[in-house]
Amino acid sequence: MTLAAVVGAIAVPQFTGLNEPLQRLNVRAGLLQDLKRAQAETITIGCRGIFTISAGGNSYSFGCDYLPYDTNYPPQSDVTSFQRTLPSGVSVTANAEVIFNSRGQSVDANDILSNVTISLSDGSGMFATGTLLGTGLFELNATS
């Protein structure tokens, strides 16, 4: 019993220290996977893909905008394919709307190729950032 208490006293603080980096890794991997899924669905279905980040940045969703395209700004999807809520205290931001054309390229609302910078942050600051290029290539790098 005493041995279990000693091991527990040593292991619990170590586990707590690992929880935050693992959560960051999972959020970063999940966002990257969701962006690739959104791009793939856009190409497969042949629609304009709208990746929408919520106002507070604590969630995002993806859906297709079918012809005729939504002329409002920012454009809205006609159908939502999936949505995600980030863990408490984690947020995602983008410097522009995340829109994919039917070829999987990153475009603006006027269908002009566009680069978009996407960042993830939590209570300690930004922990990942990346640029979605107009060609559709994206890499999300850890900053801390």
Protein backbone atom coordinates (compact mmCIF):
# COMPACT_ATOMS: atom_id res chain seq x y z
CA MET A 1 0.00 0.00 0.00
CA THR A 2 2.81 2.39 0.91
CA LEU A 3 4.65 1.54 -2.30
CA ALA A 4 1.54 2.34 -4.35
CA ALA A 5 1.22 5.71 -2.60
CA VAL A 6 4.87 6.57 -3.32
CA VAL A 7 4.58 5.55 -6.98
CA GLY A 8 1.33 7.50 -7.27
CA ALA A 9 2.89 10.59 -5.71
CA ILE A 10 5.69 10.46 -8.26
CA ALA A 11 3.64 9.52 -11.32
CA VAL A 12 0.66 11.88 -10.98
CA PRO A 13 2.65 15.15 -11.28
CA GLN A 14 4.53 13.70 -14.26
CA PHE A 15 1.27 12.74 -15.97
CA THR A 16 -0.13 16.23 -15.44
CA GLY A 17 2.94 17.67 -17.14
CA LEU A 18 2.39 15.41 -20.15
CA ASN A 19 -1.30 16.16 -20.53
CA GLU A 20 -0.91 19.66 -22.01
CA PRO A 21 1.64 18.73 -24.73
CA LEU A 22 -0.44 15.67 -25.68
CA GLN A 23 -3.59 17.78 -25.92
CA ARG A 24 -1.76 20.27 -28.17
CA LEU A 25 -0.49 17.44 -30.35
CA ASN A 26 -3.98 15.94 -30.66
CA VAL A 27 -5.59 19.28 -31.52
CA ARG A 28 -2.92 20.05 -34.12
CA ALA A 29 -3.24 16.60 -35.71
CA GLY A 30 -7.04 16.82 -35.65
CA LEU A 31 -7.10 20.21 -37.38
CA LEU A 32 -4.65 19.05 -40.03
CA GLN A 33 -6.72 15.92 -40.66
CA ASP A 34 -9.96 17.91 -40.82
CA LEU A 35 -8.49 20.38 -43.34
CA LYS A 36 -7.33 17.49 -45.53
CA ARG A 37 -10.76 15.85 -45.21
CA ALA A 38 -12.45 19.12 -46.18
CA GLN A 39 -10.19 19.46 -49.21
CA ALA A 40 -10.81 15.84 -50.26
CA GLU A 41 -14.59 16.16 -49.91
CA THR A 42 -14.51 19.35 -51.98
CA ILE A 43 -12.66 17.58 -54.80
CA THR A 44 -14.77 14.42 -54.59
CA ILE A 45 -18.12 16.20 -54.53
CA GLY A 46 -17.09 19.03 -56.85
CA CYS A 47 -18.45 21.85 -54.70
CA ARG A 48 -17.00 25.00 -53.19
CA GLY A 49 -15.88 23.96 -49.70
CA ILE A 50 -16.42 26.36 -46.83
CA PHE A 51 -14.35 25.76 -43.68
CA THR A 52 -15.95 28.04 -41.09
CA ILE A 53 -14.27 28.99 -37.81
CA SER A 54 -16.66 30.10 -35.05
CA ALA A 55 -16.52 33.68 -33.76
CA GLY A 56 -14.74 32.64 -30.55
CA GLY A 57 -12.45 30.21 -32.37
CA ASN A 58 -13.44 27.33 -30.10
CA SER A 59 -15.02 25.30 -32.92
CA TYR A 60 -15.12 24.94 -36.69
CA SER A 61 -17.24 23.28 -39.31
CA PHE A 62 -17.03 22.31 -42.96
CA GLY A 63 -19.66 22.12 -45.62
CA CYS A 64 -20.32 22.45 -49.33
CA ASP A 65 -21.67 25.48 -51.14
CA TYR A 66 -23.36 24.31 -54.34
CA LEU A 67 -24.18 26.29 -57.48
CA PRO A 68 -25.37 28.98 -57.51
CA TYR A 69 -22.71 29.99 -54.99
CA ASP A 70 -23.63 32.08 -51.97
CA THR A 71 -22.88 35.72 -52.83
CA ASN A 72 -22.88 36.91 -49.20
CA TYR A 73 -19.64 37.57 -47.39
CA PRO A 74 -18.48 35.45 -45.73
CA PRO A 75 -20.08 32.72 -47.83
CA GLN A 76 -22.06 30.02 -46.03
CA SER A 77 -22.28 26.34 -46.88
CA ASP A 78 -25.54 24.80 -48.08
CA VAL A 79 -24.88 21.54 -46.23
CA THR A 80 -22.61 20.92 -43.21
CA SER A 81 -20.50 17.76 -43.50
CA PHE A 82 -18.81 17.88 -40.09
CA GLN A 83 -18.06 20.11 -37.14
CA ARG A 84 -15.58 20.02 -34.27
CA THR A 85 -15.43 21.63 -30.86
CA LEU A 86 -11.93 22.21 -29.52
CA PRO A 87 -10.94 21.42 -25.93
CA SER A 88 -11.61 24.12 -23.35
CA GLY A 89 -9.10 26.97 -23.60
CA VAL A 90 -7.92 26.11 -27.13
CA SER A 91 -8.81 28.30 -30.11
CA VAL A 92 -8.15 28.42 -33.84
CA THR A 93 -7.84 31.58 -35.93
CA ALA A 94 -7.32 32.34 -39.60
CA ASN A 95 -6.34 35.60 -41.29
CA ALA A 96 -8.96 35.04 -44.02
CA GLU A 97 -11.87 32.80 -44.92
CA VAL A 98 -10.86 29.18 -45.59
CA ILE A 99 -12.49 28.25 -48.90
CA PHE A 100 -11.60 25.42 -51.30
CA ASN A 101 -12.59 25.45 -54.96
CA SER A 102 -13.67 22.23 -56.67
CA ARG A 103 -10.00 21.45 -57.47
CA GLY A 104 -9.02 21.63 -53.78
CA GLN A 105 -7.19 24.92 -54.10
CA SER A 106 -7.43 27.62 -51.45
CA VAL A 107 -9.37 30.58 -52.83
CA ASP A 108 -11.10 33.71 -51.61
CA ALA A 109 -14.82 34.41 -52.00
CA ASN A 110 -14.18 35.59 -55.58
CA ASP A 111 -12.46 32.30 -56.53
CA ILE A 112 -8.99 33.87 -56.68
CA LEU A 113 -6.13 31.71 -55.34
CA SER A 114 -5.37 32.82 -51.80
CA ASN A 115 -2.93 31.94 -49.02
CA VAL A 116 -4.45 31.62 -45.53
CA THR A 117 -2.50 31.57 -42.27
CA ILE A 118 -4.09 29.38 -39.60
CA SER A 119 -3.00 29.39 -35.95
CA LEU A 120 -3.81 27.40 -32.82
CA SER A 121 -3.46 28.88 -29.34
CA ASP A 122 -4.27 28.16 -25.73
CA GLY A 123 -3.82 29.92 -22.39
CA SER A 124 -0.03 29.97 -22.78
CA GLY A 125 -0.10 31.48 -26.29
CA MET A 126 0.16 30.28 -29.87
CA PHE A 127 1.39 26.69 -30.15
CA ALA A 128 0.99 25.95 -33.87
CA THR A 129 0.77 27.93 -37.08
CA GLY A 130 0.77 27.17 -40.77
CA THR A 131 -0.06 28.55 -44.18
CA LEU A 132 -2.60 27.01 -46.51
CA LEU A 133 -1.20 27.89 -49.93
CA GLY A 134 -3.35 28.71 -52.93
CA THR A 135 -2.19 25.44 -54.47
CA GLY A 136 -3.88 23.57 -51.62
CA LEU A 137 -0.69 22.49 -49.84
CA PHE A 138 -0.72 22.94 -46.06
CA GLU A 139 1.66 22.27 -43.23
CA LEU A 140 0.89 23.05 -39.61
CA ASN A 141 4.05 23.52 -37.56
CA ALA A 142 4.46 23.53 -33.80
CA THR A 143 5.70 26.84 -32.42
CA SER A 144 6.16 25.66 -28.84
